[in-house]
Protein backbone atom coordinates (compact mmCIF):
# COMPACT_ATOMS: atom_id res chain seq x y z
CA MET A 1 -22.57 19.88 11.03
CA THR A 2 -25.08 17.21 9.93
CA ASP A 3 -27.32 15.09 12.20
CA ILE A 4 -25.49 11.90 10.96
CA ARG A 5 -22.07 13.31 12.10
CA GLN A 6 -23.43 14.55 15.38
CA ALA A 7 -25.09 11.29 16.10
CA PHE A 8 -21.81 9.43 15.53
CA ASP A 9 -19.82 11.89 17.45
CA THR A 10 -22.16 11.56 20.40
CA VAL A 11 -21.80 7.75 20.32
CA ALA A 12 -17.99 7.77 19.84
CA ARG A 13 -17.55 10.04 22.74
CA GLN A 14 -19.56 7.68 24.90
CA LEU A 15 -17.67 4.39 23.51
CA THR A 16 -14.20 5.83 23.85
CA ALA A 17 -14.46 7.89 27.03
CA GLN A 18 -12.45 7.08 30.29
CA GLY A 19 -13.42 3.70 31.67
CA ALA A 20 -15.54 2.81 28.55
CA PRO A 21 -14.74 -0.37 26.41
CA TRP A 22 -12.97 1.50 23.89
CA GLU A 23 -11.25 4.01 25.94
CA LEU A 24 -8.53 5.99 24.16
CA ALA A 25 -4.92 6.61 25.06
CA ARG A 26 -2.07 8.17 23.36
CA ASP A 27 1.37 6.94 22.75
CA ARG A 28 4.62 9.18 23.21
CA ASP A 29 4.18 10.34 19.57
CA GLY A 30 0.66 11.40 20.21
CA MET A 31 -1.15 8.46 18.16
CA ARG A 32 -4.37 7.35 19.61
CA PHE A 33 -4.93 3.77 20.52
CA TYR A 34 -7.52 1.57 22.39
CA LYS A 35 -6.37 1.13 25.80
CA GLN A 36 -8.05 -2.17 26.39
CA ALA A 37 -7.43 -3.99 23.22
CA PRO A 38 -5.50 -7.33 23.42
CA ALA A 39 -1.86 -6.98 23.72
CA HIS A 40 -1.24 -9.77 21.20
CA LEU A 41 -3.05 -12.29 19.19
CA VAL A 42 -2.82 -15.04 21.74
CA GLU A 43 -4.79 -12.88 24.17
CA ALA A 44 -7.15 -11.89 21.16
CA PHE A 45 -7.89 -15.51 20.32
CA ALA A 46 -8.62 -16.44 24.00
CA VAL A 47 -12.12 -15.04 23.90
CA ALA A 48 -13.09 -17.43 21.14
CA ARG A 49 -12.98 -20.46 23.79
CA GLN A 50 -15.97 -18.66 25.47
CA HIS A 51 -18.06 -19.67 22.36
CA GLY A 52 -17.52 -23.32 23.20
CA ASP A 53 -19.27 -25.84 21.20
CA ARG A 54 -21.59 -23.41 19.16
CA GLU A 55 -21.07 -23.88 15.50
CA PHE A 56 -18.61 -21.44 13.83
CA LEU A 57 -17.55 -22.68 10.35
CA VAL A 58 -19.55 -24.42 7.75
CA TYR A 59 -17.55 -25.42 4.64
CA GLU A 60 -18.87 -27.84 1.78
CA GLY A 61 -20.90 -29.87 4.12
CA GLU A 62 -18.25 -29.82 6.92
CA ARG A 63 -19.19 -28.22 10.29
CA ARG A 64 -16.65 -27.14 13.00
CA SER A 65 -17.61 -25.53 16.40
CA PHE A 66 -15.33 -22.82 17.90
CA ASN A 67 -13.71 -25.40 20.18
CA ARG A 68 -12.96 -27.89 17.34
CA LEU A 69 -11.17 -25.26 15.21
CA LEU A 70 -9.16 -24.03 18.16
CA ASP A 71 -8.42 -27.78 19.09
CA GLU A 72 -7.02 -28.29 15.62
CA ALA A 73 -5.08 -24.99 15.94
CA ASP A 74 -3.55 -26.36 19.10
CA GLU A 75 -2.42 -29.54 17.40
CA ILE A 76 -0.87 -27.80 14.53
CA ALA A 77 0.90 -25.33 16.99
CA ALA A 78 2.20 -28.30 19.13
CA GLY A 79 3.46 -29.81 15.79
CA LEU A 80 5.12 -26.66 14.78
CA GLN A 81 7.05 -26.63 17.97
CA ALA A 82 8.00 -30.33 17.55
CA ARG A 83 9.44 -29.14 14.13
CA GLY A 84 11.65 -26.51 15.75
CA ILE A 85 9.52 -23.36 14.64
CA ASN A 86 10.29 -20.60 16.96
CA ARG A 87 9.37 -17.16 17.77
CA GLY A 88 9.93 -14.87 14.78
CA ASP A 89 10.26 -17.69 12.24
CA ARG A 90 8.31 -17.25 8.90
CA VAL A 91 5.83 -20.07 7.93
CA GLY A 92 4.11 -19.73 4.57
CA LEU A 93 0.54 -20.41 3.90
CA ALA A 94 -0.59 -21.02 0.37
CA MET A 95 -3.99 -22.62 -0.02
CA ARG A 96 -7.53 -21.87 -1.26
CA ASN A 97 -10.26 -21.21 1.34
CA TYR A 98 -10.11 -24.53 3.41
CA PRO A 99 -10.69 -24.96 7.21
CA GLU A 100 -7.14 -25.68 7.41
CA TRP A 101 -6.23 -22.20 6.35
CA MET A 102 -7.92 -20.82 9.49
CA ALA A 103 -6.36 -23.46 11.85
CA VAL A 104 -2.97 -23.03 10.45
CA PHE A 105 -3.19 -19.17 10.85
CA ILE A 106 -4.17 -19.32 14.57
CA ALA A 107 -1.44 -21.95 15.12
CA VAL A 108 1.43 -20.06 13.69
CA VAL A 109 1.00 -16.79 15.47
CA SER A 110 0.09 -18.63 18.68
CA VAL A 111 3.61 -19.99 18.77
CA GLY A 112 5.21 -16.61 18.22
CA ALA A 113 6.08 -17.20 14.48
CA VAL A 114 5.18 -15.05 11.57
CA ILE A 115 2.28 -16.17 9.32
CA VAL A 116 2.89 -15.45 5.52
CA PRO A 117 -0.45 -15.85 3.74
CA VAL A 118 0.17 -15.95 -0.06
CA ASN A 119 -2.25 -15.28 -2.66
CA SER A 120 -3.27 -18.89 -4.00
CA TRP A 121 -4.66 -17.37 -7.09
CA GLY A 122 -1.29 -16.40 -8.45
CA GLN A 123 1.13 -18.45 -10.73
CA PRO A 124 3.59 -20.59 -9.28
CA ALA A 125 6.29 -18.05 -9.80
CA ASP A 126 4.26 -15.72 -7.85
CA ILE A 127 3.87 -17.96 -4.86
CA SER A 128 7.55 -18.96 -4.81
CA HIS A 129 8.40 -15.32 -4.90
CA ALA A 130 6.36 -14.44 -1.94
CA LEU A 131 7.71 -17.54 -0.01
CA GLY A 132 11.34 -16.95 -0.87
CA ASP A 133 11.10 -13.15 -0.28
CA ALA A 134 9.83 -13.84 3.28
CA GLY A 135 12.42 -16.54 3.74
CA VAL A 136 9.87 -19.05 5.03
CA LYS A 137 11.31 -21.93 7.20
CA LEU A 138 8.19 -24.08 6.47
CA ALA A 139 4.97 -23.81 4.27
CA PHE A 140 1.62 -25.09 4.52
CA LEU A 141 0.03 -25.75 0.94
CA ASP A 142 -3.10 -27.29 -0.54
CA GLN A 143 -2.41 -30.01 -3.27
CA ALA A 144 -2.69 -27.56 -6.29
CA ARG A 145 -0.07 -24.97 -4.73
CA TYR A 146 2.11 -27.74 -3.83
CA ALA A 147 2.23 -29.28 -7.38
CA GLY A 148 2.94 -25.90 -8.77
CA ILE A 149 6.13 -25.20 -6.62
CA ALA A 150 7.22 -28.72 -5.61
CA ASP A 151 10.61 -28.24 -7.37
CA TRP A 152 11.00 -24.81 -5.90
CA LEU A 153 10.48 -26.06 -2.46
CA GLN A 154 12.88 -28.86 -2.98
CA ASP A 155 15.48 -26.71 -4.56
CA ASN A 156 15.33 -24.28 -1.69
CA GLY A 157 15.18 -26.59 1.21
CA VAL A 158 11.79 -25.55 2.28
CA PRO A 159 9.78 -28.28 4.04
CA ALA A 160 6.06 -28.57 2.93
CA LEU A 161 2.93 -29.71 4.70
CA ILE A 162 -0.02 -30.52 2.37
CA ALA A 163 -3.59 -30.02 3.26
CA ARG A 164 -6.09 -32.48 1.55
CA PRO A 165 -3.44 -34.31 -0.55
CA THR A 166 -4.47 -36.50 -3.51
CA ASP A 167 -2.54 -39.22 -2.15
CA ALA A 168 -3.74 -39.42 1.71
CA ASP A 169 -0.69 -41.16 2.73
CA HIS A 170 1.76 -38.54 1.20
CA ALA A 171 4.73 -38.26 3.64
CA SER A 172 4.19 -34.56 3.65
CA SER A 173 0.36 -34.64 4.61
CA MET A 174 -0.88 -32.56 7.39
CA ALA A 175 -2.42 -35.78 8.71
CA ASN A 176 1.21 -37.50 9.08
CA PHE A 177 2.54 -34.19 10.46
CA LEU A 178 -0.30 -34.12 13.23
CA ALA A 179 -0.30 -37.87 14.07
CA PRO A 180 2.22 -37.51 16.93
CA VAL A 181 0.67 -34.47 18.57
CA ARG A 182 -3.00 -35.49 18.53
CA GLY A 183 -4.78 -33.97 21.51
CA LYS A 184 -1.90 -31.84 22.39
CA ALA A 185 -1.52 -28.24 22.95
CA PRO A 186 1.58 -25.92 22.52
CA ALA A 187 3.65 -24.32 25.14
CA LEU A 188 2.84 -20.84 24.70
CA PRO A 189 5.86 -18.43 24.44
CA GLU A 190 6.05 -14.98 25.74
CA ILE A 191 4.95 -12.70 22.89
CA SER A 192 5.43 -8.94 22.77
CA GLY A 193 2.82 -6.60 20.95
CA ASP A 194 5.83 -5.33 18.87
CA ASP A 195 6.83 -8.79 17.62
CA LEU A 196 5.91 -9.37 13.88
CA ALA A 197 2.77 -11.52 13.51
CA LEU A 198 1.99 -11.29 9.74
CA ILE A 199 3.68 -10.61 6.38
CA MET A 200 0.68 -10.22 3.97
CA TYR A 201 1.76 -9.63 0.23
CA THR A 202 -0.08 -6.72 -1.48
CA SER A 203 -2.25 -7.85 -4.52
CA GLY A 204 0.37 -6.48 -6.96
CA THR A 205 -1.86 -5.10 -9.62
CA SER A 206 1.43 -3.39 -10.80
CA GLY A 207 4.90 -4.70 -10.17
CA LYS A 208 5.95 -7.51 -7.89
CA PRO A 209 4.04 -7.66 -4.60
CA LYS A 210 5.60 -6.22 -1.44
CA GLY A 211 5.32 -7.96 1.79
CA ALA A 212 3.25 -5.85 4.41
CA ALA A 213 4.75 -6.69 7.86
CA SER A 214 2.45 -6.02 10.80
CA THR A 215 3.00 -6.49 14.40
CA HIS A 216 0.66 -8.24 17.04
CA ARG A 217 -0.46 -4.99 18.29
CA ALA A 218 -1.47 -3.56 14.81
CA VAL A 219 -3.60 -6.57 14.14
CA CYS A 220 -5.00 -6.27 17.57
CA GLN A 221 -5.96 -2.75 17.37
CA ALA A 222 -7.40 -3.43 14.06
CA LEU A 223 -9.66 -6.13 15.41
CA TYR A 224 -10.80 -4.07 18.31
CA ASN A 225 -11.54 -1.24 15.92
CA PHE A 226 -13.84 -3.50 14.01
CA GLU A 227 -15.68 -4.21 17.34
CA PHE A 228 -15.84 -0.20 18.07
CA ALA A 229 -17.17 0.33 14.61
CA ALA A 230 -19.98 -2.35 14.87
CA ALA A 231 -21.07 -1.15 18.39
CA ALA A 232 -21.16 2.57 17.15
CA ALA A 233 -23.25 1.56 14.00
CA ALA A 234 -25.52 -0.43 16.29
CA MET A 235 -26.07 2.55 18.46
CA CYS A 236 -26.67 4.96 15.49
CA ASN A 237 -29.06 2.46 14.08
CA MET A 238 -31.23 1.24 17.01
CA ASP A 239 -34.53 0.81 15.03
CA THR A 240 -32.80 -0.96 12.16
CA ILE A 241 -31.03 -3.34 14.78
CA GLY A 242 -34.32 -4.01 16.43
CA ALA A 243 -36.01 -4.96 13.37
CA MET A 244 -33.04 -7.31 12.39
CA LEU A 245 -33.16 -9.05 15.79
CA GLU A 246 -36.95 -9.55 15.39
CA ARG A 247 -36.34 -11.71 12.44
CA GLY A 248 -34.72 -14.16 14.84
CA TYR A 249 -31.77 -15.38 12.40
CA GLU A 250 -28.57 -16.36 14.06
CA PRO A 251 -25.67 -13.79 12.88
CA THR A 252 -24.20 -15.67 9.98
CA SER A 253 -21.85 -14.33 7.46
CA LEU A 254 -21.13 -15.72 3.76
CA LEU A 255 -17.36 -15.68 3.35
CA ALA A 256 -16.84 -15.28 -0.29
CA VAL A 257 -13.58 -13.56 -0.69
CA PRO A 258 -10.08 -15.07 -0.23
CA LEU A 259 -8.80 -15.48 3.14
CA PHE A 260 -5.33 -14.30 2.00
CA HIS A 261 -6.60 -10.82 1.77
CA VAL A 262 -7.50 -8.55 4.75
CA SER A 263 -11.10 -8.38 3.77
CA GLY A 264 -11.43 -12.17 4.20
CA CYS A 265 -8.89 -12.65 7.08
CA HIS A 266 -9.44 -9.75 9.29
CA ALA A 267 -12.89 -8.36 8.76
CA GLN A 268 -14.43 -11.62 8.42
CA PHE A 269 -12.46 -14.55 9.75
CA LEU A 270 -10.86 -13.00 12.89
CA ALA A 271 -13.65 -10.52 13.56
CA SER A 272 -16.20 -13.38 13.54
CA LEU A 273 -13.85 -15.67 15.85
CA ARG A 274 -13.73 -13.19 18.57
CA GLY A 275 -17.27 -12.01 18.01
CA GLY A 276 -18.95 -15.44 18.19
CA ARG A 277 -20.48 -15.20 14.67
CA ARG A 278 -20.99 -18.14 12.27
CA ILE A 279 -19.31 -18.30 8.99
CA VAL A 280 -20.31 -20.16 5.89
CA MET A 281 -17.34 -20.28 3.77
CA MET A 282 -17.00 -20.62 -0.10
CA TYR A 283 -14.04 -22.17 -1.84
CA LYS A 284 -14.54 -19.62 -4.52
CA TRP A 285 -17.11 -17.03 -5.49
CA ASP A 286 -20.06 -18.67 -7.45
CA VAL A 287 -23.34 -16.59 -7.42
CA GLU A 288 -25.60 -19.55 -7.91
CA LYS A 289 -23.85 -21.30 -5.04
CA ALA A 290 -24.02 -18.07 -2.96
CA LEU A 291 -27.75 -17.95 -3.45
CA GLU A 292 -28.13 -21.57 -2.34
CA TYR A 293 -26.17 -20.86 0.87
CA ILE A 294 -28.10 -17.79 1.61
CA GLU A 295 -31.41 -19.77 1.42
CA GLN A 296 -30.14 -23.06 3.14
CA GLU A 297 -27.82 -21.56 5.91
CA ARG A 298 -30.11 -18.45 6.37
CA ILE A 299 -27.09 -16.05 5.79
CA THR A 300 -27.70 -12.56 7.36
CA THR A 301 -24.68 -10.78 5.94
CA ILE A 302 -22.23 -10.79 2.84
CA ALA A 303 -19.23 -8.59 2.40
CA ALA A 304 -17.59 -8.44 -0.90
CA ALA A 305 -16.42 -6.32 -3.62
CA PRO A 306 -18.66 -4.18 -5.65
CA SER A 307 -18.42 -6.46 -8.61
CA MET A 308 -19.58 -9.46 -6.65
CA ILE A 309 -22.44 -7.63 -5.13
CA LEU A 310 -23.57 -6.64 -8.69
CA ASP A 311 -23.25 -10.30 -9.76
CA LEU A 312 -25.66 -11.16 -6.56
CA LEU A 313 -28.22 -8.74 -6.90
CA GLU A 314 -28.42 -8.70 -10.86
CA SER A 315 -28.65 -12.28 -10.76
CA PRO A 316 -32.32 -13.61 -12.33
CA ALA A 317 -31.98 -16.03 -9.40
CA PHE A 318 -31.90 -13.46 -6.77
CA ASP A 319 -35.64 -12.71 -6.86
CA LYS A 320 -36.52 -16.39 -6.94
CA ALA A 321 -34.39 -17.31 -4.10
CA ASP A 322 -35.43 -17.05 -0.33
CA THR A 323 -33.36 -14.30 0.91
CA SER A 324 -35.48 -13.09 3.66
CA SER A 325 -32.60 -13.71 6.24
CA LEU A 326 -30.15 -11.45 4.31
CA PHE A 327 -30.13 -8.09 6.17
CA SER A 328 -26.78 -6.55 5.58
CA ILE A 329 -24.38 -6.19 2.71
CA GLY A 330 -20.90 -4.83 3.20
CA ILE A 331 -19.04 -3.37 0.20
CA GLY A 332 -15.27 -3.17 0.31
CA GLY A 333 -12.39 -2.87 -2.03
CA ALA A 334 -13.37 -0.11 -4.14
CA ALA A 335 -15.62 3.06 -4.06
CA THR A 336 -19.22 2.01 -4.10
CA PRO A 337 -20.78 2.75 -7.38
CA PRO A 338 -24.30 4.44 -7.41
CA ARG A 339 -25.66 1.42 -9.37
CA VAL A 340 -24.77 -0.91 -6.36
CA SER A 341 -26.34 1.44 -3.68
CA ALA A 342 -29.70 1.59 -5.80
CA LEU A 343 -29.84 -2.03 -6.23
CA ILE A 344 -29.42 -2.70 -2.59
CA GLN A 345 -32.21 -0.36 -1.69
CA GLN A 346 -34.48 -1.76 -4.49
CA LYS A 347 -33.78 -5.41 -3.70
CA MET A 348 -33.60 -5.08 0.11
CA PRO A 349 -35.53 -2.07 1.31
CA ALA A 350 -34.91 -2.70 4.94
CA ASN A 351 -31.05 -3.40 5.32
CA PHE A 352 -28.12 -2.72 7.55
CA SER A 353 -25.70 -2.32 4.75
CA GLY A 354 -22.58 -0.37 4.69
CA THR A 355 -19.00 0.28 3.11
CA GLY A 356 -15.63 1.48 4.20
CA TRP A 357 -12.10 2.13 3.18
CA GLY A 358 -8.87 0.33 4.30
CA MET A 359 -5.96 -1.48 2.83
CA THR A 360 -3.52 -4.15 3.58
CA GLU A 361 -1.11 -1.68 4.81
CA THR A 362 -3.67 -0.45 7.39
CA ASN A 363 -4.85 -3.96 8.36
CA ALA A 364 -8.20 -2.90 6.84
CA GLN A 365 -8.91 0.22 9.00
CA GLY A 366 -9.53 3.69 7.84
CA ALA A 367 -13.02 4.66 7.61
CA SER A 368 -16.52 3.35 7.58
CA LEU A 369 -20.21 4.07 7.54
CA THR A 370 -23.15 1.72 8.02
CA GLY A 371 -26.99 2.04 8.07
CA ALA A 372 -28.65 5.32 7.73
CA ALA A 373 -25.14 7.13 6.93
CA PHE A 374 -24.57 4.73 4.16
CA THR A 375 -27.98 5.73 2.64
CA ALA A 376 -27.64 9.53 3.46
CA ARG A 377 -23.96 9.79 2.07
CA PRO A 378 -23.98 7.91 -1.26
CA GLY A 379 -20.34 7.40 -2.77
CA SER A 380 -18.67 8.19 0.73
CA ALA A 381 -16.32 5.77 2.31
CA GLY A 382 -17.27 6.91 5.75
CA LEU A 383 -15.85 8.70 8.66
CA PRO A 384 -12.29 8.25 9.94
CA HIS A 385 -12.13 5.77 12.90
CA PRO A 386 -11.19 7.07 16.45
CA ILE A 387 -7.80 5.71 16.07
CA VAL A 388 -7.13 6.84 12.52
CA ASP A 389 -5.85 10.16 11.32
CA ILE A 390 -6.51 10.95 7.71
CA ARG A 391 -5.10 14.03 5.70
CA ILE A 392 -5.14 14.78 2.12
CA CYS A 393 -1.94 15.85 0.33
CA ASP A 394 -0.50 17.14 -2.81
CA GLU A 395 2.31 15.58 -4.70
CA ARG A 396 4.87 17.35 -2.39
CA GLY A 397 3.10 16.18 0.85
CA ALA A 398 1.42 19.58 1.60
CA ARG A 399 -1.79 19.30 3.26
CA LEU A 400 -4.79 20.27 1.06
CA ALA A 401 -8.01 22.16 2.23
CA THR A 402 -11.31 20.55 2.84
CA GLY A 403 -13.04 19.43 -0.44
CA GLU A 404 -9.65 19.26 -2.47
CA SER A 405 -8.72 15.75 -4.14
CA GLY A 406 -5.21 14.45 -3.36
CA GLU A 407 -3.28 11.55 -1.94
CA ILE A 408 -4.78 9.96 1.20
CA TRP A 409 -2.15 9.74 3.92
CA VAL A 410 -3.06 7.87 7.00
CA ARG A 411 -1.53 7.48 10.53
CA SER A 412 -2.70 4.76 12.81
CA PRO A 413 -1.58 1.98 15.36
CA CYS A 414 -2.97 -0.30 12.80
CA ASN A 415 -0.60 0.49 10.01
CA ILE A 416 2.03 -2.00 8.97
CA ARG A 417 5.36 -1.55 10.64
CA GLU A 418 7.26 -1.84 7.12
CA TYR A 419 7.47 -3.38 3.75
CA TRP A 420 9.50 -6.46 4.42
CA HIS A 421 13.13 -6.01 3.09
CA ARG A 422 12.08 -2.94 1.01
CA PRO A 423 14.25 0.05 2.39
CA GLU A 424 13.57 2.15 -0.77
CA ALA A 425 9.68 1.59 -0.63
CA ASN A 426 9.78 2.27 3.22
CA ALA A 427 11.60 5.59 2.59
CA ALA A 428 9.38 6.74 -0.19
CA GLU A 429 6.00 5.72 1.46
CA PHE A 430 6.43 6.41 5.21
CA ARG A 431 7.01 9.73 6.63
CA ASP A 432 7.03 10.62 10.28
CA GLY A 433 4.46 8.09 11.17
CA TRP A 434 2.27 8.71 8.20
CA LEU A 435 1.79 6.34 5.37
CA LYS A 436 1.19 7.44 1.81
CA THR A 437 -1.53 5.18 0.48
CA GLY A 438 -1.47 5.73 -3.19
CA ASP A 439 -5.30 6.25 -3.08
CA ILE A 440 -6.82 9.48 -4.17
CA GLY A 441 -9.73 11.42 -2.39
CA PHE A 442 -10.95 13.94 -0.35
CA LEU A 443 -12.69 14.96 3.04
CA ASP A 444 -15.87 16.95 2.87
CA GLY A 445 -16.79 19.64 5.55
CA ASP A 446 -18.24 16.98 7.90
CA GLY A 447 -15.12 14.84 7.61
CA PHE A 448 -16.48 12.20 5.34
CA LEU A 449 -13.96 10.56 3.24
CA TYR A 450 -14.63 10.13 -0.54
CA LEU A 451 -12.61 8.19 -2.85
CA ALA A 452 -11.58 9.12 -6.20
CA ASP A 453 -9.10 6.38 -7.46
CA ARG A 454 -5.72 4.87 -7.22
CA ALA A 455 -2.96 7.54 -7.97
CA LYS A 456 -1.28 4.92 -10.43
CA ASP A 457 -4.38 4.61 -12.53
CA MET A 458 -4.99 8.50 -12.86
CA ILE A 459 -4.92 9.58 -16.52
CA ILE A 460 -3.21 12.94 -17.38
CA ARG A 461 -4.78 14.27 -20.71
CA GLY A 462 -3.70 17.62 -21.76
CA GLY A 463 -2.59 18.63 -18.40
CA GLU A 464 -6.10 17.62 -16.75
CA ASN A 465 -6.19 14.91 -14.17
CA ILE A 466 -8.77 12.33 -14.73
CA TYR A 467 -9.97 9.71 -12.37
CA PRO A 468 -11.06 6.42 -14.14
CA ALA A 469 -13.45 5.40 -11.30
CA GLU A 470 -15.59 8.44 -11.91
CA ILE A 471 -16.10 7.53 -15.56
CA GLU A 472 -16.48 3.76 -14.60
CA SER A 473 -19.22 4.58 -12.21
CA GLN A 474 -21.11 6.57 -14.57
CA LEU A 475 -21.04 4.21 -17.51
CA LEU A 476 -21.95 1.27 -15.19
CA GLU A 477 -25.41 3.05 -15.11
CA LEU A 478 -26.07 1.79 -18.60
CA PRO A 479 -28.08 -1.43 -18.18
CA ALA A 480 -26.19 -3.32 -20.74
CA VAL A 481 -22.89 -2.90 -19.03
CA LYS A 482 -21.65 -5.73 -16.88
CA GLU A 483 -18.02 -4.64 -16.54
CA ILE A 484 -15.97 -1.67 -17.51
CA ALA A 485 -12.32 -0.51 -17.17
CA VAL A 486 -11.11 2.98 -17.89
CA LEU A 487 -7.40 3.48 -18.70
CA GLY A 488 -5.08 5.80 -20.26
CA LEU A 489 -3.53 5.11 -23.77
CA PRO A 490 -0.54 7.16 -25.29
CA HIS A 491 -1.66 10.07 -27.52
CA GLU A 492 0.61 12.08 -29.69
CA ARG A 493 -1.38 15.47 -28.87
CA TRP A 494 -2.72 14.99 -25.49
CA GLY A 495 0.04 12.82 -23.96
CA GLU A 496 -2.90 10.24 -23.02
CA GLU A 497 -6.45 9.54 -24.10
CA VAL A 498 -9.12 8.00 -22.18
CA ALA A 499 -9.98 4.46 -23.31
CA ALA A 500 -12.93 2.30 -22.11
CA VAL A 501 -12.86 -1.49 -22.22
CA VAL A 502 -16.45 -2.73 -21.80
CA HIS A 503 -18.09 -6.20 -21.29
CA LEU A 504 -21.69 -6.42 -21.60
CA HIS A 505 -24.33 -8.62 -20.00
CA PRO A 506 -25.14 -11.84 -21.85
CA GLY A 507 -27.91 -11.15 -24.47
CA GLN A 508 -27.41 -7.36 -24.23
CA ALA A 509 -26.51 -4.94 -27.10
CA LEU A 510 -24.80 -1.57 -26.89
CA ASP A 511 -22.75 0.04 -29.76
CA GLU A 512 -19.94 2.65 -29.29
CA VAL A 513 -22.23 5.49 -30.46
CA GLU A 514 -24.80 4.87 -27.68
CA LEU A 515 -22.14 4.62 -25.12
CA LEU A 516 -20.50 7.84 -26.15
CA ASP A 517 -23.85 9.67 -26.20
CA PHE A 518 -24.53 8.59 -22.66
CA ALA A 519 -21.09 9.57 -21.60
CA ARG A 520 -21.46 13.00 -23.00
CA SER A 521 -24.75 13.47 -21.10
CA LYS A 522 -22.95 12.59 -17.68
CA LEU A 523 -19.39 13.68 -18.13
CA ALA A 524 -17.22 16.74 -18.92
CA ALA A 525 -16.08 16.65 -22.64
CA TYR A 526 -12.49 15.98 -21.79
CA LYS A 527 -13.52 12.78 -19.60
CA VAL A 528 -15.46 11.23 -22.53
CA PRO A 529 -13.61 8.04 -23.76
CA GLY A 530 -11.68 8.64 -27.01
CA ARG A 531 -11.33 4.88 -27.77
CA VAL A 532 -14.02 2.20 -26.83
CA PHE A 533 -13.20 -1.61 -27.04
CA PHE A 534 -15.67 -4.14 -26.48
CA SER A 535 -14.48 -7.44 -24.86
CA GLU A 536 -16.57 -10.69 -25.39
CA ARG A 537 -14.80 -12.15 -22.28
CA PRO A 538 -14.97 -11.12 -18.63
CA LEU A 539 -12.21 -8.51 -17.80
CA PRO A 540 -9.24 -10.02 -15.95
CA ARG A 541 -9.26 -9.61 -12.32
CA ASN A 542 -6.88 -10.39 -9.35
CA ALA A 543 -7.77 -12.41 -6.11
CA THR A 544 -9.58 -9.40 -4.60
CA ASN A 545 -11.83 -8.83 -7.88
CA LYS A 546 -9.88 -5.79 -8.83
CA ILE A 547 -9.62 -5.50 -12.68
CA LEU A 548 -5.95 -6.00 -13.80
CA LYS A 549 -5.67 -2.72 -15.71
CA ARG A 550 -2.01 -3.31 -16.37
CA ASP A 551 -2.80 -6.47 -18.53
CA LEU A 552 -5.47 -4.89 -20.12
CA LYS A 553 -3.44 -2.01 -21.27
CA ALA A 554 -0.52 -4.14 -22.42
CA SER A 555 -3.04 -6.33 -24.31
CA LEU A 556 -4.49 -3.08 -26.17
CA LEU A 557 -1.07 -1.69 -26.84
CA ALA A 558 0.07 -4.83 -28.41
CA GLY A 559 -2.95 -4.86 -30.67
CA LEU A 560 -2.79 -1.03 -31.90
């Protein structure tokens, strides 16, 4: 066992022991959970009041304290009760990153209703599908989302409330909704940990998104686990934490990902709300704007997808900006390419960065590593959390040996209860408390998790399993390559062949021969792309910055 694993185990035992803050207990099925975690989200949010009038949120020149945001949430909650929204009712939330998004989220779950955050990057048909599938009784939208589905709302009898409407006097504006309840607070209902709190629709890179339905207990266990992970990482990296504190900057996170995904909602918004950390929120990702915020607001941490971190660290403006406050980079949403790790060490020699693995269905929980472990274990997603069991299985569900790649199965109190109204999916993907994640990976001898790819993205060439993420990670080492997507195309002899779609950095040149020569020097012969396509435009991505390979593949097939 390595020193890093031993250090983590020692710290974990201290933090989870009897009487410790993260004391572990077991339920009747033997699943571990945090004994002292909040029972429901109203209890979880209560600690935010302790942060009082300290600044919590900065957005496009607007500034809100903890108290102000919570007061706004109270008014919305009182308005919901006045509208007849009761425990268990579903309430839709479809808007871009606005302060109102946060206030609505808190308000809805505080009255015992179920919040349904919807991907605001989707087409109107996608948004109306999610709202209809969830059976929402009311929907909060921004002006653009309202304009796109106004007819659907009317046809289906779903009342809408509009944040920041073009017409400030619109009858459905949030201002009009709140006028009768200014200064009021809701009558808090009795809420059980088993009550549903959240239906969050999966990103839908293939097929229609499914509603991942989570209980209050699942989300609270997830939030408490974030706090365990932060404490454990700090105790394992005391020298680094000391150096960070000596800089004297207030902990401030740049929220650059959408709130409607667990990485934005859980890992940043809700975790910061409980932890008393300041957030500077972006309407959407813009690398130049991000660097302005880092400099002006003294950002200390940013967590984002690998593609966004590459945008930031490779920007010519990065070296010119004052990024002295930036101490931590968190990478999520995909395995960390070596190029990203190398750039972090090059651009930020002293840093407290990390990565992890989780998904909507696990409320962002799974495994993580930060600080020295991140440097020592390149490519790893980390160690499983104390309340998370991970096993690697073959296609039949049989457990594989250490080091063998297969599908990641996970069991945790943070897992969703079900896919909303999807009995077939529930029967196929849940087994005896375990969730089949669809992600491919392996556990090494020390228990560190490594990701290979999504099962649905795997290419089978002549009977050989090929994981596109491995090829993408290697080809990203070419300096000219800005983005790359590897996928399988039909092949008469092999069944599928490896194809690569490449988008280059502006002003850079690379031809197919150079790319393939590099690929042959790094990869087994059967993994080298048989087809290469260069795209002048950025590759299509969804709201969580994952490349839409389904769209790319359809486009390629249409042109062949």
